[in-house]
Amino acid sequence: MSMNLIVAEHLSFQAGHLYEQAREFPEYAERNEAAIEEVEQLEVLFRNADADQDVLREFTEALGEIDGAASETQAYQRVLEDVGFNSHYETAEEFLQAATTEMRSPFAA
Protein backbone atom coordinates (compact mmCIF):
# COMPACT_ATOMS: atom_id res chain seq x y z
CA MET A 1 0.00 0.00 0.00
CA SER A 2 1.36 3.43 -0.89
CA MET A 3 2.05 6.03 1.78
CA ASN A 4 -0.66 8.23 0.21
CA LEU A 5 -3.21 5.51 0.87
CA ILE A 6 -1.88 4.83 4.36
CA VAL A 7 -2.30 8.49 5.30
CA ALA A 8 -5.75 8.49 3.66
CA GLU A 9 -6.73 5.51 5.84
CA HIS A 10 -5.51 7.29 8.97
CA LEU A 11 -7.57 10.34 8.03
CA SER A 12 -10.59 8.12 7.36
CA PHE A 13 -10.21 6.57 10.81
CA GLN A 14 -9.98 10.05 12.35
CA ALA A 15 -13.16 11.13 10.55
CA GLY A 16 -14.93 8.02 11.86
CA HIS A 17 -13.81 8.84 15.38
CA LEU A 18 -15.13 12.39 15.01
CA TYR A 19 -18.49 11.08 13.74
CA GLU A 20 -18.72 8.94 16.87
CA GLN A 21 -17.84 11.93 19.05
CA ALA A 22 -20.48 14.06 17.33
CA ARG A 23 -23.13 11.42 18.07
CA GLU A 24 -21.97 10.78 21.61
CA PHE A 25 -21.62 14.46 22.54
CA PRO A 26 -24.30 16.43 20.67
CA GLU A 27 -23.24 19.66 22.37
CA TYR A 28 -19.98 19.44 20.36
CA ALA A 29 -21.53 18.11 17.16
CA GLU A 30 -21.18 21.33 15.18
CA ARG A 31 -17.49 21.66 16.03
CA ASN A 32 -16.81 18.00 15.25
CA GLU A 33 -18.75 18.15 11.98
CA ALA A 34 -16.66 21.12 10.82
CA ALA A 35 -13.51 19.17 11.64
CA ILE A 36 -14.87 16.09 9.84
CA GLU A 37 -15.29 18.14 6.67
CA GLU A 38 -11.64 19.23 6.77
CA VAL A 39 -10.39 15.73 7.56
CA GLU A 40 -12.40 14.25 4.69
CA GLN A 41 -11.11 16.89 2.27
CA LEU A 42 -7.55 15.95 3.16
CA GLU A 43 -8.40 12.27 2.82
CA VAL A 44 -9.57 12.85 -0.76
CA LEU A 45 -6.31 14.62 -1.59
CA PHE A 46 -4.32 11.64 -0.35
CA ARG A 47 -6.57 9.10 -2.08
CA ASN A 48 -6.00 11.04 -5.31
CA ALA A 49 -2.24 10.90 -4.66
CA ASP A 50 -2.05 14.70 -4.76
CA ALA A 51 0.92 14.92 -2.38
CA ASP A 52 4.24 16.12 -3.76
CA GLN A 53 6.55 13.11 -3.86
CA ASP A 54 9.51 14.93 -2.28
CA VAL A 55 7.37 16.10 0.65
CA LEU A 56 5.90 12.61 0.98
CA ARG A 57 9.40 11.10 0.99
CA GLU A 58 10.53 13.49 3.74
CA PHE A 59 7.44 12.58 5.80
CA THR A 60 8.15 8.86 5.32
CA GLU A 61 11.76 9.36 6.40
CA ALA A 62 10.61 11.21 9.53
CA LEU A 63 8.36 8.26 10.39
CA GLY A 64 11.28 5.92 10.03
CA GLU A 65 13.41 8.09 12.31
CA ILE A 66 10.90 7.61 15.13
CA ASP A 67 9.87 3.97 14.94
CA GLY A 68 8.84 3.18 11.39
CA ALA A 69 5.12 2.78 12.17
CA ALA A 70 2.97 5.82 11.38
CA SER A 71 0.00 4.60 13.41
CA GLU A 72 2.12 4.34 16.56
CA THR A 73 3.81 7.73 16.63
CA GLN A 74 2.31 10.13 19.13
CA ALA A 75 3.57 13.19 17.27
CA TYR A 76 1.86 12.11 14.05
CA GLN A 77 -1.29 11.23 15.99
CA ARG A 78 -1.39 14.72 17.52
CA VAL A 79 -1.30 16.26 14.05
CA LEU A 80 -4.12 13.96 12.87
CA GLU A 81 -6.26 14.82 15.88
CA ASP A 82 -5.69 18.54 15.47
CA VAL A 83 -7.03 18.80 11.89
CA GLY A 84 -10.08 21.03 11.82
CA PHE A 85 -9.65 22.23 15.37
CA ASN A 86 -6.38 24.10 15.87
CA SER A 87 -4.82 23.28 12.51
CA HIS A 88 -6.17 23.83 9.03
CA TYR A 89 -4.51 22.56 5.85
CA GLU A 90 -5.36 23.49 2.29
CA THR A 91 -3.03 20.94 0.70
CA ALA A 92 -1.67 17.48 1.37
CA GLU A 93 1.81 19.02 1.46
CA GLU A 94 0.87 21.42 4.26
CA PHE A 95 -0.39 18.49 6.34
CA LEU A 96 2.70 16.39 5.64
CA GLN A 97 5.05 19.27 6.42
CA ALA A 98 3.29 19.94 9.72
CA ALA A 99 3.45 16.24 10.63
CA THR A 100 7.12 16.05 9.66
CA THR A 101 7.96 19.12 11.74
CA GLU A 102 6.06 17.74 14.72
CA MET A 103 7.73 14.34 14.45
CA ARG A 104 11.18 15.89 14.22
CA SER A 105 10.53 18.24 17.11
CA PRO A 106 12.73 17.56 20.12
CA PHE A 107 9.52 17.22 22.13
CA ALA A 108 8.03 14.50 19.88
CA ALA A 109 7.43 11.21 21.59
C-alpha atoms as a PDB file:
ATOM      1  CA  MET A   1       0.000   0.000   0.000  1.00  0.00           C
ATOM      2  CA  SER A   2       1.363   3.426  -0.890  1.00  0.00           C
ATOM      3  CA  MET A   3       2.055   6.034   1.777  1.00  0.00           C
ATOM      4  CA  ASN A   4      -0.655   8.228   0.209  1.00  0.00           C
ATOM      5  CA  LEU A   5      -3.213   5.508   0.874  1.00  0.00           C
ATOM      6  CA  ILE A   6      -1.880   4.828   4.364  1.00  0.00           C
ATOM      7  CA  VAL A   7      -2.302   8.487   5.302  1.00  0.00           C
ATOM      8  CA  ALA A   8      -5.754   8.495   3.664  1.00  0.00           C
ATOM      9  CA  GLU A   9      -6.729   5.513   5.835  1.00  0.00           C
ATOM     10  CA  HIS A  10      -5.505   7.291   8.966  1.00  0.00           C
ATOM     11  CA  LEU A  11      -7.571  10.339   8.032  1.00  0.00           C
ATOM     12  CA  SER A  12     -10.587   8.118   7.360  1.00  0.00           C
ATOM     13  CA  PHE A  13     -10.208   6.567  10.807  1.00  0.00           C
ATOM     14  CA  GLN A  14      -9.979  10.047  12.353  1.00  0.00           C
ATOM     15  CA  ALA A  15     -13.162  11.128  10.547  1.00  0.00           C
ATOM     16  CA  GLY A  16     -14.928   8.024  11.861  1.00  0.00           C
ATOM     17  CA  HIS A  17     -13.810   8.844  15.378  1.00  0.00           C
ATOM     18  CA  LEU A  18     -15.130  12.393  15.006  1.00  0.00           C
ATOM     19  CA  TYR A  19     -18.487  11.080  13.737  1.00  0.00           C
ATOM     20  CA  GLU A  20     -18.717   8.940  16.870  1.00  0.00           C
ATOM     21  CA  GLN A  21     -17.838  11.926  19.055  1.00  0.00           C
ATOM     22  CA  ALA A  22     -20.481  14.058  17.331  1.00  0.00           C
ATOM     23  CA  ARG A  23     -23.132  11.415  18.070  1.00  0.00           C
ATOM     24  CA  GLU A  24     -21.968  10.781  21.607  1.00  0.00           C
ATOM     25  CA  PHE A  25     -21.619  14.456  22.539  1.00  0.00           C
ATOM     26  CA  PRO A  26     -24.296  16.427  20.671  1.00  0.00           C
ATOM     27  CA  GLU A  27     -23.236  19.660  22.371  1.00  0.00           C
ATOM     28  CA  TYR A  28     -19.977  19.437  20.364  1.00  0.00           C
ATOM     29  CA  ALA A  29     -21.525  18.107  17.156  1.00  0.00           C
ATOM     30  CA  GLU A  30     -21.182  21.333  15.177  1.00  0.00           C
ATOM     31  CA  ARG A  31     -17.487  21.662  16.027  1.00  0.00           C
ATOM     32  CA  ASN A  32     -16.814  17.995  15.248  1.00  0.00           C
ATOM     33  CA  GLU A  33     -18.751  18.147  11.975  1.00  0.00           C
ATOM     34  CA  ALA A  34     -16.664  21.124  10.820  1.00  0.00           C
ATOM     35  CA  ALA A  35     -13.507  19.170  11.637  1.00  0.00           C
ATOM     36  CA  ILE A  36     -14.866  16.094   9.835  1.00  0.00           C
ATOM     37  CA  GLU A  37     -15.290  18.143   6.668  1.00  0.00           C
ATOM     38  CA  GLU A  38     -11.645  19.232   6.771  1.00  0.00           C
ATOM     39  CA  VAL A  39     -10.387  15.733   7.556  1.00  0.00           C
ATOM     40  CA  GLU A  40     -12.397  14.246   4.686  1.00  0.00           C
ATOM     41  CA  GLN A  41     -11.113  16.894   2.268  1.00  0.00           C
ATOM     42  CA  LEU A  42      -7.550  15.948   3.163  1.00  0.00           C
ATOM     43  CA  GLU A  43      -8.404  12.272   2.824  1.00  0.00           C
ATOM     44  CA  VAL A  44      -9.568  12.854  -0.762  1.00  0.00           C
ATOM     45  CA  LEU A  45      -6.311  14.618  -1.591  1.00  0.00           C
ATOM     46  CA  PHE A  46      -4.316  11.635  -0.354  1.00  0.00           C
ATOM     47  CA  ARG A  47      -6.570   9.102  -2.079  1.00  0.00           C
ATOM     48  CA  ASN A  48      -6.000  11.043  -5.309  1.00  0.00           C
ATOM     49  CA  ALA A  49      -2.237  10.897  -4.662  1.00  0.00           C
ATOM     50  CA  ASP A  50      -2.047  14.696  -4.762  1.00  0.00           C
ATOM     51  CA  ALA A  51       0.918  14.924  -2.381  1.00  0.00           C
ATOM     52  CA  ASP A  52       4.241  16.122  -3.765  1.00  0.00           C
ATOM     53  CA  GLN A  53       6.554  13.107  -3.856  1.00  0.00           C
ATOM     54  CA  ASP A  54       9.507  14.932  -2.282  1.00  0.00           C
ATOM     55  CA  VAL A  55       7.372  16.102   0.647  1.00  0.00           C
ATOM     56  CA  LEU A  56       5.899  12.609   0.978  1.00  0.00           C
ATOM     57  CA  ARG A  57       9.402  11.099   0.994  1.00  0.00           C
ATOM     58  CA  GLU A  58      10.529  13.493   3.741  1.00  0.00           C
ATOM     59  CA  PHE A  59       7.441  12.583   5.797  1.00  0.00           C
ATOM     60  CA  THR A  60       8.149   8.862   5.322  1.00  0.00           C
ATOM     61  CA  GLU A  61      11.759   9.363   6.403  1.00  0.00           C
ATOM     62  CA  ALA A  62      10.608  11.206   9.535  1.00  0.00           C
ATOM     63  CA  LEU A  63       8.356   8.263  10.391  1.00  0.00           C
ATOM     64  CA  GLY A  64      11.282   5.921  10.031  1.00  0.00           C
ATOM     65  CA  GLU A  65      13.414   8.085  12.311  1.00  0.00           C
ATOM     66  CA  ILE A  66      10.900   7.608  15.130  1.00  0.00           C
ATOM     67  CA  ASP A  67       9.874   3.971  14.945  1.00  0.00           C
ATOM     68  CA  GLY A  68       8.836   3.180  11.391  1.00  0.00           C
ATOM     69  CA  ALA A  69       5.123   2.781  12.171  1.00  0.00           C
ATOM     70  CA  ALA A  70       2.965   5.818  11.381  1.00  0.00           C
ATOM     71  CA  SER A  71       0.004   4.602  13.409  1.00  0.00           C
ATOM     72  CA  GLU A  72       2.124   4.343  16.558  1.00  0.00           C
ATOM     73  CA  THR A  73       3.812   7.726  16.632  1.00  0.00           C
ATOM     74  CA  GLN A  74       2.306  10.127  19.129  1.00  0.00           C
ATOM     75  CA  ALA A  75       3.569  13.191  17.273  1.00  0.00           C
ATOM     76  CA  TYR A  76       1.861  12.109  14.054  1.00  0.00           C
ATOM     77  CA  GLN A  77      -1.289  11.235  15.992  1.00  0.00           C
ATOM     78  CA  ARG A  78      -1.391  14.722  17.519  1.00  0.00           C
ATOM     79  CA  VAL A  79      -1.296  16.260  14.046  1.00  0.00           C
ATOM     80  CA  LEU A  80      -4.115  13.965  12.875  1.00  0.00           C
ATOM     81  CA  GLU A  81      -6.261  14.818  15.882  1.00  0.00           C
ATOM     82  CA  ASP A  82      -5.692  18.542  15.466  1.00  0.00           C
ATOM     83  CA  VAL A  83      -7.027  18.797  11.893  1.00  0.00           C
ATOM     84  CA  GLY A  84     -10.084  21.026  11.817  1.00  0.00           C
ATOM     85  CA  PHE A  85      -9.651  22.227  15.373  1.00  0.00           C
ATOM     86  CA  ASN A  86      -6.381  24.099  15.868  1.00  0.00           C
ATOM     87  CA  SER A  87      -4.815  23.283  12.507  1.00  0.00           C
ATOM     88  CA  HIS A  88      -6.165  23.830   9.031  1.00  0.00           C
ATOM     89  CA  TYR A  89      -4.510  22.563   5.853  1.00  0.00           C
ATOM     90  CA  GLU A  90      -5.357  23.486   2.289  1.00  0.00           C
ATOM     91  CA  THR A  91      -3.030  20.943   0.701  1.00  0.00           C
ATOM     92  CA  ALA A  92      -1.665  17.485   1.366  1.00  0.00           C
ATOM     93  CA  GLU A  93       1.814  19.018   1.462  1.00  0.00           C
ATOM     94  CA  GLU A  94       0.870  21.418   4.263  1.00  0.00           C
ATOM     95  CA  PHE A  95      -0.391  18.493   6.337  1.00  0.00           C
ATOM     96  CA  LEU A  96       2.702  16.389   5.642  1.00  0.00           C
ATOM     97  CA  GLN A  97       5.054  19.265   6.420  1.00  0.00           C
ATOM     98  CA  ALA A  98       3.294  19.936   9.725  1.00  0.00           C
ATOM     99  CA  ALA A  99       3.454  16.241  10.635  1.00  0.00           C
ATOM    100  CA  THR A 100       7.124  16.049   9.663  1.00  0.00           C
ATOM    101  CA  THR A 101       7.957  19.117  11.735  1.00  0.00           C
ATOM    102  CA  GLU A 102       6.060  17.744  14.724  1.00  0.00           C
ATOM    103  CA  MET A 103       7.731  14.336  14.449  1.00  0.00           C
ATOM    104  CA  ARG A 104      11.184  15.888  14.223  1.00  0.00           C
ATOM    105  CA  SER A 105      10.530  18.244  17.113  1.00  0.00           C
ATOM    106  CA  PRO A 106      12.734  17.560  20.117  1.00  0.00           C
ATOM    107  CA  PHE A 107       9.520  17.216  22.128  1.00  0.00           C
ATOM    108  CA  ALA A 108       8.032  14.498  19.876  1.00  0.00           C
ATOM    109  CA  ALA A 109       7.427  11.206  21.591  1.00  0.00           C
END
